[in-house]
């Protein structure tokens, strides 16, 4: 999941990602320290194509809406 998401972000936004191994299946996506997606909060993995718009909005200073 995480490697697919990293590849999707790299391809769509030309951004490098940092994958940090967590515990208990936690999967969070942060932009400049702000969480834009949380598996814990949504109780599911991000769907293909779901993260890029959230990251793009965060980079443009818009609030995340997941």
PDB file of N, CA and C in Angstrom:
ATOM      1  N   UNK A   1       0.817  -1.199   0.000  1.00  0.00           N
ATOM      2  CA  UNK A   1       0.000   0.000   0.000  1.00  0.00           C
ATOM      3  C   UNK A   1       0.856   1.256   0.000  1.00  0.00           C
ATOM      4  N   UNK A   2       1.780   1.336   0.932  1.00  0.00           N
ATOM      5  CA  UNK A   2       2.598   2.553   1.064  1.00  0.00           C
ATOM      6  C   UNK A   2       3.481   2.772  -0.150  1.00  0.00           C
ATOM      7  N   UNK A   3       4.057   1.706  -0.684  1.00  0.00           N
ATOM      8  CA  UNK A   3       4.925   1.886  -1.852  1.00  0.00           C
ATOM      9  C   UNK A   3       4.116   2.274  -3.080  1.00  0.00           C
ATOM     10  N   UNK A   4       2.898   1.751  -3.212  1.00  0.00           N
ATOM     11  CA  UNK A   4       2.031   2.153  -4.324  1.00  0.00           C
ATOM     12  C   UNK A   4       1.676   3.628  -4.206  1.00  0.00           C
ATOM     13  N   UNK A   5       1.347   4.059  -2.998  1.00  0.00           N
ATOM     14  CA  UNK A   5       1.000   5.457  -2.768  1.00  0.00           C
ATOM     15  C   UNK A   5       2.192   6.363  -3.065  1.00  0.00           C
ATOM     16  N   UNK A   6       3.379   5.945  -2.639  1.00  0.00           N
ATOM     17  CA  UNK A   6       4.582   6.746  -2.889  1.00  0.00           C
ATOM     18  C   UNK A   6       4.831   6.890  -4.385  1.00  0.00           C
ATOM     19  N   UNK A   7       4.666   5.812  -5.129  1.00  0.00           N
ATOM     20  CA  UNK A   7       4.854   5.858  -6.588  1.00  0.00           C
ATOM     21  C   UNK A   7       3.812   6.762  -7.241  1.00  0.00           C
ATOM     22  N   UNK A   8       2.584   6.681  -6.785  1.00  0.00           N
ATOM     23  CA  UNK A   8       1.512   7.518  -7.325  1.00  0.00           C
ATOM     24  C   UNK A   8       1.807   9.005  -7.091  1.00  0.00           C
ATOM     25  N   UNK A   9       2.267   9.328  -5.905  1.00  0.00           N
ATOM     26  CA  UNK A   9       2.588  10.720  -5.558  1.00  0.00           C
ATOM     27  C   UNK A   9       3.763  11.212  -6.395  1.00  0.00           C
ATOM     28  N   UNK A  10       4.783  10.376  -6.523  1.00  0.00           N
ATOM     29  CA  UNK A  10       5.962  10.745  -7.311  1.00  0.00           C
ATOM     30  C   UNK A  10       5.585  10.996  -8.765  1.00  0.00           C
ATOM     31  N   UNK A  11       4.760  10.116  -9.325  1.00  0.00           N
ATOM     32  CA  UNK A  11       4.375  10.231 -10.731  1.00  0.00           C
ATOM     33  C   UNK A  11       3.471  11.439 -10.987  1.00  0.00           C
ATOM     34  N   UNK A  12       2.483  11.651 -10.129  1.00  0.00           N
ATOM     35  CA  UNK A  12       1.498  12.713 -10.359  1.00  0.00           C
ATOM     36  C   UNK A  12       2.010  14.103  -9.985  1.00  0.00           C
ATOM     37  N   UNK A  13       2.817  14.174  -8.921  1.00  0.00           N
ATOM     38  CA  UNK A  13       3.216  15.487  -8.401  1.00  0.00           C
ATOM     39  C   UNK A  13       4.716  15.752  -8.478  1.00  0.00           C
ATOM     40  N   UNK A  14       5.464  14.761  -8.946  1.00  0.00           N
ATOM     41  CA  UNK A  14       6.920  14.879  -9.026  1.00  0.00           C
ATOM     42  C   UNK A  14       7.525  15.210  -7.659  1.00  0.00           C
ATOM     43  N   UNK A  15       7.006  14.548  -6.620  1.00  0.00           N
ATOM     44  CA  UNK A  15       7.486  14.743  -5.257  1.00  0.00           C
ATOM     45  C   UNK A  15       8.072  13.445  -4.731  1.00  0.00           C
ATOM     46  N   UNK A  16       9.147  13.543  -3.999  1.00  0.00           N
ATOM     47  CA  UNK A  16       9.694  12.378  -3.312  1.00  0.00           C
ATOM     48  C   UNK A  16       9.012  12.258  -1.949  1.00  0.00           C
ATOM     49  N   UNK A  17       8.822  11.058  -1.511  1.00  0.00           N
ATOM     50  CA  UNK A  17       8.163  10.803  -0.230  1.00  0.00           C
ATOM     51  C   UNK A  17       9.134  10.126   0.730  1.00  0.00           C
ATOM     52  N   UNK A  18       8.816  10.196   1.987  1.00  0.00           N
ATOM     53  CA  UNK A  18       9.567   9.480   3.013  1.00  0.00           C
ATOM     54  C   UNK A  18       8.619   8.509   3.684  1.00  0.00           C
ATOM     55  N   UNK A  19       8.960   7.234   3.623  1.00  0.00           N
ATOM     56  CA  UNK A  19       8.149   6.213   4.258  1.00  0.00           C
ATOM     57  C   UNK A  19       8.746   5.913   5.623  1.00  0.00           C
ATOM     58  N   UNK A  20       7.945   6.056   6.649  1.00  0.00           N
ATOM     59  CA  UNK A  20       8.382   5.798   8.016  1.00  0.00           C
ATOM     60  C   UNK A  20       7.569   4.641   8.559  1.00  0.00           C
ATOM     61  N   UNK A  21       8.248   3.568   8.900  1.00  0.00           N
ATOM     62  CA  UNK A  21       7.555   2.382   9.393  1.00  0.00           C
ATOM     63  C   UNK A  21       6.923   2.665  10.748  1.00  0.00           C
ATOM     64  N   UNK A  22       5.661   2.339  10.848  1.00  0.00           N
ATOM     65  CA  UNK A  22       4.940   2.539  12.101  1.00  0.00           C
ATOM     66  C   UNK A  22       4.548   1.207  12.694  1.00  0.00           C
ATOM     67  N   UNK A  23       3.574   1.246  13.558  1.00  0.00           N
ATOM     68  CA  UNK A  23       3.097   0.018  14.185  1.00  0.00           C
ATOM     69  C   UNK A  23       1.580  -0.030  14.100  1.00  0.00           C
ATOM     70  N   UNK A  24       1.037  -1.199  14.302  1.00  0.00           N
ATOM     71  CA  UNK A  24      -0.413  -1.420  14.358  1.00  0.00           C
ATOM     72  C   UNK A  24      -1.144  -0.977  13.095  1.00  0.00           C
ATOM     73  N   UNK A  25      -0.483  -1.012  11.931  1.00  0.00           N
ATOM     74  CA  UNK A  25      -1.155  -0.710  10.682  1.00  0.00           C
ATOM     75  C   UNK A  25      -1.451   0.758  10.449  1.00  0.00           C
ATOM     76  N   UNK A  26      -0.799   1.628  11.183  1.00  0.00           N
ATOM     77  CA  UNK A  26      -1.015   3.067  11.017  1.00  0.00           C
ATOM     78  C   UNK A  26      -0.524   3.494   9.643  1.00  0.00           C
ATOM     79  N   UNK A  27      -1.312   4.268   8.939  1.00  0.00           N
ATOM     80  CA  UNK A  27      -0.929   4.823   7.644  1.00  0.00           C
ATOM     81  C   UNK A  27      -1.413   6.264   7.617  1.00  0.00           C
ATOM     82  N   UNK A  28      -0.490   7.190   7.786  1.00  0.00           N
ATOM     83  CA  UNK A  28      -0.802   8.617   7.748  1.00  0.00           C
ATOM     84  C   UNK A  28      -0.013   9.266   6.626  1.00  0.00           C
ATOM     85  N   UNK A  29      -0.591  10.252   6.007  1.00  0.00           N
ATOM     86  CA  UNK A  29       0.101  11.040   4.993  1.00  0.00           C
ATOM     87  C   UNK A  29       0.126  12.469   5.498  1.00  0.00           C
ATOM     88  N   UNK A  30       1.337  13.012   5.587  1.00  0.00           N
ATOM     89  CA  UNK A  30       1.504  14.371   6.092  1.00  0.00           C
ATOM     90  C   UNK A  30       2.201  15.227   5.048  1.00  0.00           C
ATOM     91  N   UNK A  31       1.802  16.487   4.992  1.00  0.00           N
ATOM     92  CA  UNK A  31       2.450  17.483   4.139  1.00  0.00           C
ATOM     93  C   UNK A  31       2.915  18.598   5.054  1.00  0.00           C
ATOM     94  N   UNK A  32       4.210  18.797   5.112  1.00  0.00           N
ATOM     95  CA  UNK A  32       4.793  19.824   5.984  1.00  0.00           C
ATOM     96  C   UNK A  32       4.270  19.709   7.418  1.00  0.00           C
ATOM     97  N   UNK A  33       4.159  18.471   7.908  1.00  0.00           N
ATOM     98  CA  UNK A  33       3.748  18.236   9.284  1.00  0.00           C
ATOM     99  C   UNK A  33       2.252  18.199   9.524  1.00  0.00           C
ATOM    100  N   UNK A  34       1.466  18.497   8.506  1.00  0.00           N
ATOM    101  CA  UNK A  34       0.009  18.486   8.637  1.00  0.00           C
ATOM    102  C   UNK A  34      -0.548  17.190   8.047  1.00  0.00           C
ATOM    103  N   UNK A  35      -1.347  16.476   8.814  1.00  0.00           N
ATOM    104  CA  UNK A  35      -1.934  15.226   8.337  1.00  0.00           C
ATOM    105  C   UNK A  35      -3.031  15.529   7.325  1.00  0.00           C
ATOM    106  N   UNK A  36      -2.871  14.950   6.132  1.00  0.00           N
ATOM    107  CA  UNK A  36      -3.891  15.126   5.090  1.00  0.00           C
ATOM    108  C   UNK A  36      -4.702  13.848   4.878  1.00  0.00           C
ATOM    109  N   UNK A  37      -4.179  12.718   5.377  1.00  0.00           N
ATOM    110  CA  UNK A  37      -4.928  11.471   5.318  1.00  0.00           C
ATOM    111  C   UNK A  37      -4.499  10.591   6.486  1.00  0.00           C
ATOM    112  N   UNK A  38      -5.462   9.936   7.113  1.00  0.00           N
ATOM    113  CA  UNK A  38      -5.180   9.029   8.215  1.00  0.00           C
ATOM    114  C   UNK A  38      -6.052   7.786   8.088  1.00  0.00           C
ATOM    115  N   UNK A  39      -5.395   6.633   7.974  1.00  0.00           N
ATOM    116  CA  UNK A  39      -6.140   5.373   7.940  1.00  0.00           C
ATOM    117  C   UNK A  39      -6.901   5.175   9.246  1.00  0.00           C
ATOM    118  N   UNK A  40      -6.291   5.594  10.350  1.00  0.00           N
ATOM    119  CA  UNK A  40      -6.946   5.473  11.655  1.00  0.00           C
ATOM    120  C   UNK A  40      -8.256   6.268  11.684  1.00  0.00           C
ATOM    121  N   UNK A  41      -8.231   7.489  11.158  1.00  0.00           N
ATOM    122  CA  UNK A  41      -9.417   8.350  11.186  1.00  0.00           C
ATOM    123  C   UNK A  41     -10.502   7.866  10.227  1.00  0.00           C
ATOM    124  N   UNK A  42     -10.095   7.316   9.070  1.00  0.00           N
ATOM    125  CA  UNK A  42     -11.077   6.890   8.072  1.00  0.00           C
ATOM    126  C   UNK A  42     -11.445   5.413   8.204  1.00  0.00           C
ATOM    127  N   UNK A  43     -10.649   4.663   8.975  1.00  0.00           N
ATOM    128  CA  UNK A  43     -10.852   3.225   9.177  1.00  0.00           C
ATOM    129  C   UNK A  43     -10.745   2.437   7.873  1.00  0.00           C
ATOM    130  N   UNK A  44      -9.897   2.937   6.957  1.00  0.00           N
ATOM    131  CA  UNK A  44      -9.668   2.239   5.683  1.00  0.00           C
ATOM    132  C   UNK A  44      -8.389   2.771   5.041  1.00  0.00           C
ATOM    133  N   UNK A  45      -7.859   1.996   4.104  1.00  0.00           N
ATOM    134  CA  UNK A  45      -6.723   2.471   3.314  1.00  0.00           C
ATOM    135  C   UNK A  45      -7.221   3.492   2.291  1.00  0.00           C
ATOM    136  N   UNK A  46      -6.346   4.359   1.895  1.00  0.00           N
ATOM    137  CA  UNK A  46      -6.687   5.324   0.842  1.00  0.00           C
ATOM    138  C   UNK A  46      -6.930   4.572  -0.463  1.00  0.00           C
ATOM    139  N   UNK A  47      -7.881   5.043  -1.221  1.00  0.00           N
ATOM    140  CA  UNK A  47      -8.174   4.436  -2.522  1.00  0.00           C
ATOM    141  C   UNK A  47      -7.193   4.977  -3.563  1.00  0.00           C
ATOM    142  N   UNK A  48      -6.946   4.217  -4.616  1.00  0.00           N
ATOM    143  CA  UNK A  48      -6.080   4.727  -5.684  1.00  0.00           C
ATOM    144  C   UNK A  48      -6.601   6.082  -6.184  1.00  0.00           C
ATOM    145  N   UNK A  49      -5.701   7.027  -6.301  1.00  0.00           N
ATOM    146  CA  UNK A  49      -6.073   8.360  -6.773  1.00  0.00           C
ATOM    147  C   UNK A  49      -6.589   9.301  -5.698  1.00  0.00           C
ATOM    148  N   UNK A  50      -6.780   8.825  -4.498  1.00  0.00           N
ATOM    149  CA  UNK A  50      -7.363   9.645  -3.431  1.00  0.00           C
ATOM    150  C   UNK A  50      -6.353  10.602  -2.789  1.00  0.00           C
ATOM    151  N   UNK A  51      -5.117  10.189  -2.689  1.00  0.00           N
ATOM    152  CA  UNK A  51      -4.129  10.995  -1.968  1.00  0.00           C
ATOM    153  C   UNK A  51      -3.653  12.219  -2.741  1.00  0.00           C
ATOM    154  N   UNK A  52      -3.494  12.083  -4.043  1.00  0.00           N
ATOM    155  CA  UNK A  52      -2.933  13.183  -4.838  1.00  0.00           C
ATOM    156  C   UNK A  52      -3.738  14.474  -4.698  1.00  0.00           C
ATOM    157  N   UNK A  53      -5.067  14.462  -4.823  1.00  0.00           N
ATOM    158  CA  UNK A  53      -5.809  15.712  -4.639  1.00  0.00           C
ATOM    159  C   UNK A  53      -5.672  16.294  -3.231  1.00  0.00           C
ATOM    160  N   UNK A  54      -5.583  15.426  -2.228  1.00  0.00           N
ATOM    161  CA  UNK A  54      -5.424  15.907  -0.860  1.00  0.00           C
ATOM    162  C   UNK A  54      -4.067  16.588  -0.676  1.00  0.00           C
ATOM    163  N   UNK A  55      -3.038  15.982  -1.234  1.00  0.00           N
ATOM    164  CA  UNK A  55      -1.699  16.557  -1.143  1.00  0.00           C
ATOM    165  C   UNK A  55      -1.625  17.850  -1.938  1.00  0.00           C
ATOM    166  N   UNK A  56      -2.187  17.838  -3.136  1.00  0.00           N
ATOM    167  CA  UNK A  56      -2.195  19.050  -3.974  1.00  0.00           C
ATOM    168  C   UNK A  56      -2.884  20.208  -3.244  1.00  0.00           C
ATOM    169  N   UNK A  57      -4.013  19.938  -2.610  1.00  0.00           N
ATOM    170  CA  UNK A  57      -4.740  20.973  -1.863  1.00  0.00           C
ATOM    171  C   UNK A  57      -3.896  21.497  -0.707  1.00  0.00           C
ATOM    172  N   UNK A  58      -3.219  20.590  -0.004  1.00  0.00           N
ATOM    173  CA  UNK A  58      -2.378  21.010   1.117  1.00  0.00           C
ATOM    174  C   UNK A  58      -1.227  21.883   0.642  1.00  0.00           C
ATOM    175  N   UNK A  59      -0.640  21.546  -0.492  1.00  0.00           N
ATOM    176  CA  UNK A  59       0.456  22.343  -1.037  1.00  0.00           C
ATOM    177  C   UNK A  59      -0.010  23.730  -1.474  1.00  0.00           C
ATOM    178  N   UNK A  60      -1.291  23.829  -1.816  1.00  0.00           N
ATOM    179  CA  UNK A  60      -1.866  25.120  -2.217  1.00  0.00           C
ATOM    180  C   UNK A  60      -2.467  25.876  -1.022  1.00  0.00           C
ATOM    181  N   UNK A  61      -2.318  25.302   0.170  1.00  0.00           N
ATOM    182  CA  UNK A  61      -2.794  25.957   1.367  1.00  0.00           C
ATOM    183  C   UNK A  61      -4.271  25.814   1.644  1.00  0.00           C
ATOM    184  N   UNK A  62      -4.921  24.855   0.976  1.00  0.00           N
ATOM    185  CA  UNK A  62      -6.345  24.618   1.189  1.00  0.00           C
ATOM    186  C   UNK A  62      -6.524  23.539   2.255  1.00  0.00           C
ATOM    187  N   UNK A  63      -7.606  23.591   3.015  1.00  0.00           N
ATOM    188  CA  UNK A  63      -7.828  22.561   4.044  1.00  0.00           C
ATOM    189  C   UNK A  63      -8.097  21.203   3.402  1.00  0.00           C
ATOM    190  N   UNK A  64      -7.626  20.145   4.040  1.00  0.00           N
ATOM    191  CA  UNK A  64      -7.867  18.792   3.557  1.00  0.00           C
ATOM    192  C   UNK A  64      -9.304  18.398   3.818  1.00  0.00           C
ATOM    193  N   UNK A  65      -9.875  17.648   2.886  1.00  0.00           N
ATOM    194  CA  UNK A  65     -11.249  17.158   3.073  1.00  0.00           C
ATOM    195  C   UNK A  65     -11.289  15.704   2.718  1.00  0.00           C
ATOM    196  N   UNK A  66     -10.925  14.851   3.669  1.00  0.00           N
ATOM    197  CA  UNK A  66     -10.920  13.394   3.381  1.00  0.00           C
ATOM    198  C   UNK A  66     -12.133  12.742   3.978  1.00  0.00           C
TER     199      UNK A  66
END
